[in-house]
Amino acid sequence: MSRLAVYSREGCGLCTEMLEELAPWAAARGLSVEVRDVDADPEARRRYGYRVPVLLFDGEPAAHGHLELDTLERLWRTAG
């Protein structure tokens, strides 16, 4: 099963927006979304800095800043 994770941070409006857009897409496919605090992980903070939100699909970056549902759908179909 595919895994989704979003690196986010407290008070990030774009992060909230991405999570709200992602939730129904993930639920329709039986997937859960793990939310990770980028500031709690030194490696993630070094890697992504202020470029949040970052969506990981099966551990690989799939989007940052804004969600592209067409791209995500293509990744999901390819993985499945």
PDB file of N, CA and C in Angstrom:
ATOM      1  N   MET A   1       0.843  -1.182   0.000  1.00  0.00           N
ATOM      2  CA  MET A   1       0.000   0.000   0.000  1.00  0.00           C
ATOM      3  C   MET A   1       0.886   1.242   0.000  1.00  0.00           C
ATOM      4  N   SER A   2       0.499   2.219  -0.768  1.00  0.00           N
ATOM      5  CA  SER A   2       1.253   3.467  -0.849  1.00  0.00           C
ATOM      6  C   SER A   2       1.171   4.230   0.460  1.00  0.00           C
ATOM      7  N   ARG A   3       2.228   5.004   0.732  1.00  0.00           N
ATOM      8  CA  ARG A   3       2.287   5.802   1.950  1.00  0.00           C
ATOM      9  C   ARG A   3       2.380   7.271   1.585  1.00  0.00           C
ATOM     10  N   LEU A   4       1.652   8.089   2.331  1.00  0.00           N
ATOM     11  CA  LEU A   4       1.677   9.536   2.151  1.00  0.00           C
ATOM     12  C   LEU A   4       2.128  10.192   3.446  1.00  0.00           C
ATOM     13  N   ALA A   5       3.023  11.146   3.331  1.00  0.00           N
ATOM     14  CA  ALA A   5       3.465  11.921   4.487  1.00  0.00           C
ATOM     15  C   ALA A   5       3.615  13.373   4.045  1.00  0.00           C
ATOM     16  N   VAL A   6       3.266  14.280   4.927  1.00  0.00           N
ATOM     17  CA  VAL A   6       3.404  15.703   4.646  1.00  0.00           C
ATOM     18  C   VAL A   6       4.274  16.320   5.721  1.00  0.00           C
ATOM     19  N   TYR A   7       5.391  16.915   5.312  1.00  0.00           N
ATOM     20  CA  TYR A   7       6.187  17.726   6.231  1.00  0.00           C
ATOM     21  C   TYR A   7       5.535  19.086   6.316  1.00  0.00           C
ATOM     22  N   SER A   8       5.261  19.492   7.541  1.00  0.00           N
ATOM     23  CA  SER A   8       4.518  20.706   7.812  1.00  0.00           C
ATOM     24  C   SER A   8       5.187  21.440   8.974  1.00  0.00           C
ATOM     25  N   ARG A   9       4.659  22.614   9.290  1.00  0.00           N
ATOM     26  CA  ARG A   9       5.093  23.306  10.507  1.00  0.00           C
ATOM     27  C   ARG A   9       3.930  24.104  11.059  1.00  0.00           C
ATOM     28  N   GLU A  10       4.007  24.373  12.333  1.00  0.00           N
ATOM     29  CA  GLU A  10       2.981  25.137  13.043  1.00  0.00           C
ATOM     30  C   GLU A  10       2.759  26.483  12.359  1.00  0.00           C
ATOM     31  N   GLY A  11       1.497  26.828  12.160  1.00  0.00           N
ATOM     32  CA  GLY A  11       1.151  28.135  11.610  1.00  0.00           C
ATOM     33  C   GLY A  11       1.330  28.286  10.109  1.00  0.00           C
ATOM     34  N   CYS A  12       1.536  27.207   9.397  1.00  0.00           N
ATOM     35  CA  CYS A  12       1.770  27.253   7.952  1.00  0.00           C
ATOM     36  C   CYS A  12       0.438  27.151   7.208  1.00  0.00           C
ATOM     37  N   GLY A  13      -0.002  28.234   6.610  1.00  0.00           N
ATOM     38  CA  GLY A  13      -1.256  28.250   5.865  1.00  0.00           C
ATOM     39  C   GLY A  13      -1.242  27.334   4.659  1.00  0.00           C
ATOM     40  N   LEU A  14      -0.122  27.309   3.927  1.00  0.00           N
ATOM     41  CA  LEU A  14      -0.030  26.411   2.772  1.00  0.00           C
ATOM     42  C   LEU A  14      -0.102  24.946   3.198  1.00  0.00           C
ATOM     43  N   CYS A  15       0.451  24.655   4.372  1.00  0.00           N
ATOM     44  CA  CYS A  15       0.404  23.284   4.891  1.00  0.00           C
ATOM     45  C   CYS A  15      -1.037  22.879   5.166  1.00  0.00           C
ATOM     46  N   THR A  16      -1.775  23.756   5.814  1.00  0.00           N
ATOM     47  CA  THR A  16      -3.186  23.496   6.098  1.00  0.00           C
ATOM     48  C   THR A  16      -3.964  23.288   4.807  1.00  0.00           C
ATOM     49  N   GLU A  17      -3.702  24.145   3.837  1.00  0.00           N
ATOM     50  CA  GLU A  17      -4.380  24.038   2.541  1.00  0.00           C
ATOM     51  C   GLU A  17      -4.084  22.695   1.871  1.00  0.00           C
ATOM     52  N   MET A  18      -2.814  22.286   1.855  1.00  0.00           N
ATOM     53  CA  MET A  18      -2.462  21.017   1.224  1.00  0.00           C
ATOM     54  C   MET A  18      -3.139  19.853   1.936  1.00  0.00           C
ATOM     55  N   LEU A  19      -3.121  19.860   3.254  1.00  0.00           N
ATOM     56  CA  LEU A  19      -3.730  18.769   4.007  1.00  0.00           C
ATOM     57  C   LEU A  19      -5.234  18.695   3.764  1.00  0.00           C
ATOM     58  N   GLU A  20      -5.891  19.841   3.665  1.00  0.00           N
ATOM     59  CA  GLU A  20      -7.327  19.860   3.395  1.00  0.00           C
ATOM     60  C   GLU A  20      -7.644  19.340   1.999  1.00  0.00           C
ATOM     61  N   GLU A  21      -6.812  19.638   1.021  1.00  0.00           N
ATOM     62  CA  GLU A  21      -7.016  19.145  -0.344  1.00  0.00           C
ATOM     63  C   GLU A  21      -6.675  17.659  -0.453  1.00  0.00           C
ATOM     64  N   LEU A  22      -5.669  17.236   0.289  1.00  0.00           N
ATOM     65  CA  LEU A  22      -5.187  15.865   0.211  1.00  0.00           C
ATOM     66  C   LEU A  22      -6.113  14.882   0.921  1.00  0.00           C
ATOM     67  N   ALA A  23      -6.733  15.292   2.007  1.00  0.00           N
ATOM     68  CA  ALA A  23      -7.535  14.391   2.842  1.00  0.00           C
ATOM     69  C   ALA A  23      -8.613  13.643   2.063  1.00  0.00           C
ATOM     70  N   PRO A  24      -9.474  14.317   1.287  1.00  0.00           N
ATOM     71  CA  PRO A  24     -10.511  13.554   0.577  1.00  0.00           C
ATOM     72  C   PRO A  24      -9.939  12.628  -0.503  1.00  0.00           C
ATOM     73  N   TRP A  25      -8.875  13.059  -1.166  1.00  0.00           N
ATOM     74  CA  TRP A  25      -8.242  12.220  -2.189  1.00  0.00           C
ATOM     75  C   TRP A  25      -7.716  10.946  -1.540  1.00  0.00           C
ATOM     76  N   ALA A  26      -7.010  11.092  -0.422  1.00  0.00           N
ATOM     77  CA  ALA A  26      -6.436   9.934   0.274  1.00  0.00           C
ATOM     78  C   ALA A  26      -7.536   9.026   0.820  1.00  0.00           C
ATOM     79  N   ALA A  27      -8.557   9.607   1.428  1.00  0.00           N
ATOM     80  CA  ALA A  27      -9.646   8.813   2.003  1.00  0.00           C
ATOM     81  C   ALA A  27     -10.359   7.999   0.930  1.00  0.00           C
ATOM     82  N   ALA A  28     -10.547   8.560  -0.245  1.00  0.00           N
ATOM     83  CA  ALA A  28     -11.220   7.851  -1.338  1.00  0.00           C
ATOM     84  C   ALA A  28     -10.425   6.640  -1.807  1.00  0.00           C
ATOM     85  N   ARG A  29      -9.153   6.605  -1.508  1.00  0.00           N
ATOM     86  CA  ARG A  29      -8.291   5.498  -1.921  1.00  0.00           C
ATOM     87  C   ARG A  29      -7.870   4.622  -0.746  1.00  0.00           C
ATOM     88  N   GLY A  30      -8.436   4.900   0.425  1.00  0.00           N
ATOM     89  CA  GLY A  30      -8.124   4.099   1.607  1.00  0.00           C
ATOM     90  C   GLY A  30      -6.745   4.355   2.169  1.00  0.00           C
ATOM     91  N   LEU A  31      -6.197   5.531   1.901  1.00  0.00           N
ATOM     92  CA  LEU A  31      -4.854   5.877   2.373  1.00  0.00           C
ATOM     93  C   LEU A  31      -4.938   6.844   3.540  1.00  0.00           C
ATOM     94  N   SER A  32      -3.972   6.761   4.424  1.00  0.00           N
ATOM     95  CA  SER A  32      -3.876   7.734   5.507  1.00  0.00           C
ATOM     96  C   SER A  32      -2.715   8.677   5.201  1.00  0.00           C
ATOM     97  N   VAL A  33      -2.747   9.825   5.846  1.00  0.00           N
ATOM     98  CA  VAL A  33      -1.714  10.836   5.650  1.00  0.00           C
ATOM     99  C   VAL A  33      -1.018  11.068   6.982  1.00  0.00           C
ATOM    100  N   GLU A  34       0.272  10.831   7.009  1.00  0.00           N
ATOM    101  CA  GLU A  34       1.068  11.097   8.196  1.00  0.00           C
ATOM    102  C   GLU A  34       1.565  12.539   8.116  1.00  0.00           C
ATOM    103  N   VAL A  35       1.329  13.313   9.156  1.00  0.00           N
ATOM    104  CA  VAL A  35       1.808  14.691   9.212  1.00  0.00           C
ATOM    105  C   VAL A  35       3.051  14.710  10.081  1.00  0.00           C
ATOM    106  N   ARG A  36       4.143  15.223   9.524  1.00  0.00           N
ATOM    107  CA  ARG A  36       5.424  15.285  10.230  1.00  0.00           C
ATOM    108  C   ARG A  36       5.837  16.738  10.419  1.00  0.00           C
ATOM    109  N   ASP A  37       6.273  17.049  11.615  1.00  0.00           N
ATOM    110  CA  ASP A  37       6.741  18.399  11.931  1.00  0.00           C
ATOM    111  C   ASP A  37       8.170  18.555  11.421  1.00  0.00           C
ATOM    112  N   VAL A  38       8.355  19.385  10.423  1.00  0.00           N
ATOM    113  CA  VAL A  38       9.677  19.570   9.825  1.00  0.00           C
ATOM    114  C   VAL A  38      10.676  20.119  10.844  1.00  0.00           C
ATOM    115  N   ASP A  39      10.205  20.900  11.800  1.00  0.00           N
ATOM    116  CA  ASP A  39      11.103  21.496  12.790  1.00  0.00           C
ATOM    117  C   ASP A  39      11.527  20.511  13.868  1.00  0.00           C
ATOM    118  N   ALA A  40      10.843  19.380  13.990  1.00  0.00           N
ATOM    119  CA  ALA A  40      11.191  18.364  14.983  1.00  0.00           C
ATOM    120  C   ALA A  40      12.230  17.383  14.461  1.00  0.00           C
ATOM    121  N   ASP A  41      12.551  17.454  13.195  1.00  0.00           N
ATOM    122  CA  ASP A  41      13.478  16.520  12.554  1.00  0.00           C
ATOM    123  C   ASP A  41      14.614  17.328  11.925  1.00  0.00           C
ATOM    124  N   PRO A  42      15.800  17.326  12.554  1.00  0.00           N
ATOM    125  CA  PRO A  42      16.907  18.142  12.032  1.00  0.00           C
ATOM    126  C   PRO A  42      17.257  17.849  10.572  1.00  0.00           C
ATOM    127  N   GLU A  43      17.202  16.589  10.170  1.00  0.00           N
ATOM    128  CA  GLU A  43      17.517  16.239   8.786  1.00  0.00           C
ATOM    129  C   GLU A  43      16.466  16.813   7.837  1.00  0.00           C
ATOM    130  N   ALA A  44      15.203  16.691   8.189  1.00  0.00           N
ATOM    131  CA  ALA A  44      14.129  17.251   7.355  1.00  0.00           C
ATOM    132  C   ALA A  44      14.221  18.767   7.319  1.00  0.00           C
ATOM    133  N   ARG A  45      14.523  19.388   8.448  1.00  0.00           N
ATOM    134  CA  ARG A  45      14.651  20.843   8.481  1.00  0.00           C
ATOM    135  C   ARG A  45      15.803  21.303   7.584  1.00  0.00           C
ATOM    136  N   ARG A  46      16.905  20.550   7.600  1.00  0.00           N
ATOM    137  CA  ARG A  46      18.031  20.879   6.728  1.00  0.00           C
ATOM    138  C   ARG A  46      17.647  20.698   5.257  1.00  0.00           C
ATOM    139  N   ARG A  47      16.953  19.623   4.966  1.00  0.00           N
ATOM    140  CA  ARG A  47      16.599  19.295   3.590  1.00  0.00           C
ATOM    141  C   ARG A  47      15.532  20.238   3.031  1.00  0.00           C
ATOM    142  N   TYR A  48      14.481  20.512   3.806  1.00  0.00           N
ATOM    143  CA  TYR A  48      13.343  21.257   3.278  1.00  0.00           C
ATOM    144  C   TYR A  48      13.274  22.707   3.745  1.00  0.00           C
ATOM    145  N   GLY A  49      13.878  23.021   4.896  1.00  0.00           N
ATOM    146  CA  GLY A  49      13.883  24.393   5.394  1.00  0.00           C
ATOM    147  C   GLY A  49      12.516  25.023   5.402  1.00  0.00           C
ATOM    148  N   TYR A  50      12.386  26.119   4.661  1.00  0.00           N
ATOM    149  CA  TYR A  50      11.112  26.835   4.597  1.00  0.00           C
ATOM    150  C   TYR A  50      10.256  26.406   3.406  1.00  0.00           C
ATOM    151  N   ARG A  51      10.687  25.395   2.672  1.00  0.00           N
ATOM    152  CA  ARG A  51       9.923  24.919   1.509  1.00  0.00           C
ATOM    153  C   ARG A  51       8.858  23.923   1.937  1.00  0.00           C
ATOM    154  N   VAL A  52       8.026  24.290   2.860  1.00  0.00           N
ATOM    155  CA  VAL A  52       6.939  23.420   3.280  1.00  0.00           C
ATOM    156  C   VAL A  52       5.625  24.001   2.787  1.00  0.00           C
ATOM    157  N   PRO A  53       4.654  23.198   2.587  1.00  0.00           N
ATOM    158  CA  PRO A  53       4.603  21.771   2.854  1.00  0.00           C
ATOM    159  C   PRO A  53       5.318  20.961   1.777  1.00  0.00           C
ATOM    160  N   VAL A  54       5.771  19.787   2.178  1.00  0.00           N
ATOM    161  CA  VAL A  54       6.356  18.829   1.241  1.00  0.00           C
ATOM    162  C   VAL A  54       5.573  17.530   1.376  1.00  0.00           C
ATOM    163  N   LEU A  55       5.039  17.065   0.269  1.00  0.00           N
ATOM    164  CA  LEU A  55       4.324  15.791   0.252  1.00  0.00           C
ATOM    165  C   LEU A  55       5.274  14.705  -0.222  1.00  0.00           C
ATOM    166  N   LEU A  56       5.363  13.638   0.576  1.00  0.00           N
ATOM    167  CA  LEU A  56       6.138  12.466   0.184  1.00  0.00           C
ATOM    168  C   LEU A  56       5.167  11.353  -0.194  1.00  0.00           C
ATOM    169  N   PHE A  57       5.422  10.758  -1.321  1.00  0.00           N
ATOM    170  CA  PHE A  57       4.647   9.603  -1.788  1.00  0.00           C
ATOM    171  C   PHE A  57       5.599   8.425  -1.797  1.00  0.00           C
ATOM    172  N   ASP A  58       5.349   7.450  -0.947  1.00  0.00           N
ATOM    173  CA  ASP A  58       6.257   6.305  -0.789  1.00  0.00           C
ATOM    174  C   ASP A  58       7.684   6.760  -0.533  1.00  0.00           C
ATOM    175  N   GLY A  59       7.837   7.805   0.284  1.00  0.00           N
ATOM    176  CA  GLY A  59       9.155   8.275   0.702  1.00  0.00           C
ATOM    177  C   GLY A  59       9.839   9.234  -0.255  1.00  0.00           C
ATOM    178  N   GLU A  60       9.249   9.477  -1.406  1.00  0.00           N
ATOM    179  CA  GLU A  60       9.846  10.366  -2.404  1.00  0.00           C
ATOM    180  C   GLU A  60       9.030  11.662  -2.514  1.00  0.00           C
ATOM    181  N   PRO A  61       9.705  12.812  -2.624  1.00  0.00           N
ATOM    182  CA  PRO A  61       8.973  14.071  -2.775  1.00  0.00           C
ATOM    183  C   PRO A  61       8.074  14.046  -4.011  1.00  0.00           C
ATOM    184  N   ALA A  62       6.795  14.397  -3.791  1.00  0.00           N
ATOM    185  CA  ALA A  62       5.824  14.410  -4.878  1.00  0.00           C
ATOM    186  C   ALA A  62       5.273  15.808  -5.121  1.00  0.00           C
ATOM    187  N   ALA A  63       5.363  16.675  -4.125  1.00  0.00           N
ATOM    188  CA  ALA A  63       4.869  18.053  -4.276  1.00  0.00           C
ATOM    189  C   ALA A  63       5.418  18.890  -3.137  1.00  0.00           C
ATOM    190  N   HIS A  64       5.567  20.172  -3.400  1.00  0.00           N
ATOM    191  CA  HIS A  64       5.844  21.102  -2.311  1.00  0.00           C
ATOM    192  C   HIS A  64       5.182  22.422  -2.638  1.00  0.00           C
ATOM    193  N   GLY A  65       4.697  23.072  -1.607  1.00  0.00           N
ATOM    194  CA  GLY A  65       3.992  24.331  -1.783  1.00  0.00           C
ATOM    195  C   GLY A  65       2.526  24.130  -2.108  1.00  0.00           C
ATOM    196  N   HIS A  66       2.244  23.543  -3.249  1.00  0.00           N
ATOM    197  CA  HIS A  66       0.859  23.325  -3.693  1.00  0.00           C
ATOM    198  C   HIS A  66       0.705  21.894  -4.174  1.00  0.00           C
ATOM    199  N   LEU A  67      -0.481  21.374  -3.985  1.00  0.00           N
ATOM    200  CA  LEU A  67      -0.774  20.003  -4.369  1.00  0.00           C
ATOM    201  C   LEU A  67      -1.217  19.951  -5.830  1.00  0.00           C
ATOM    202  N   GLU A  68      -0.631  19.042  -6.569  1.00  0.00           N
ATOM    203  CA  GLU A  68      -1.010  18.774  -7.958  1.00  0.00           C
ATOM    204  C   GLU A  68      -1.686  17.405  -7.961  1.00  0.00           C
ATOM    205  N   LEU A  69      -3.011  17.398  -7.896  1.00  0.00           N
ATOM    206  CA  LEU A  69      -3.727  16.126  -7.804  1.00  0.00           C
ATOM    207  C   LEU A  69      -3.524  15.248  -9.034  1.00  0.00           C
ATOM    208  N   ASP A  70      -3.366  15.838 -10.208  1.00  0.00           N
ATOM    209  CA  ASP A  70      -3.114  15.039 -11.421  1.00  0.00           C
ATOM    210  C   ASP A  70      -1.804  14.264 -11.297  1.00  0.00           C
ATOM    211  N   THR A  71      -0.785  14.929 -10.804  1.00  0.00           N
ATOM    212  CA  THR A  71       0.516  14.280 -10.617  1.00  0.00           C
ATOM    213  C   THR A  71       0.419  13.184  -9.572  1.00  0.00           C
ATOM    214  N   LEU A  72      -0.263  13.468  -8.471  1.00  0.00           N
ATOM    215  CA  LEU A  72      -0.420  12.485  -7.408  1.00  0.00           C
ATOM    216  C   LEU A  72      -1.204  11.269  -7.903  1.00  0.00           C
ATOM    217  N   GLU A  73      -2.250  11.508  -8.665  1.00  0.00           N
ATOM    218  CA  GLU A  73      -3.048  10.411  -9.222  1.00  0.00           C
ATOM    219  C   GLU A  73      -2.190   9.531 -10.133  1.00  0.00           C
ATOM    220  N   ARG A  74      -1.360  10.154 -10.938  1.00  0.00           N
ATOM    221  CA  ARG A  74      -0.474   9.411 -11.841  1.00  0.00           C
ATOM    222  C   ARG A  74       0.511   8.547 -11.034  1.00  0.00           C
ATOM    223  N   LEU A  75       1.085   9.108  -9.971  1.00  0.00           N
ATOM    224  CA  LEU A  75       2.007   8.341  -9.125  1.00  0.00           C
ATOM    225  C   LEU A  75       1.299   7.156  -8.479  1.00  0.00           C
ATOM    226  N   TRP A  76       0.089   7.415  -7.995  1.00  0.00           N
ATOM    227  CA  TRP A  76      -0.673   6.371  -7.322  1.00  0.00           C
ATOM    228  C   TRP A  76      -1.006   5.222  -8.286  1.00  0.00           C
ATOM    229  N   ARG A  77      -1.425   5.567  -9.488  1.00  0.00           N
ATOM    230  CA  ARG A  77      -1.766   4.530 -10.477  1.00  0.00           C
ATOM    231  C   ARG A  77      -0.533   3.734 -10.878  1.00  0.00           C
ATOM    232  N   THR A  78       0.599   4.399 -11.008  1.00  0.00           N
ATOM    233  CA  THR A  78       1.840   3.730 -11.368  1.00  0.00           C
ATOM    234  C   THR A  78       2.295   2.780 -10.253  1.00  0.00           C
ATOM    235  N   ALA A  79       2.147   3.210  -9.002  1.00  0.00           N
ATOM    236  CA  ALA A  79       2.571   2.402  -7.862  1.00  0.00           C
ATOM    237  C   ALA A  79       1.651   1.216  -7.640  1.00  0.00           C
ATOM    238  N   GLY A  80       0.386   1.371  -8.003  1.00  0.00           N
ATOM    239  CA  GLY A  80      -0.616   0.328  -7.718  1.00  0.00           C
ATOM    240  C   GLY A  80      -0.611  -0.734  -8.746  1.00  0.00           C
TER     241      GLY A  80
END
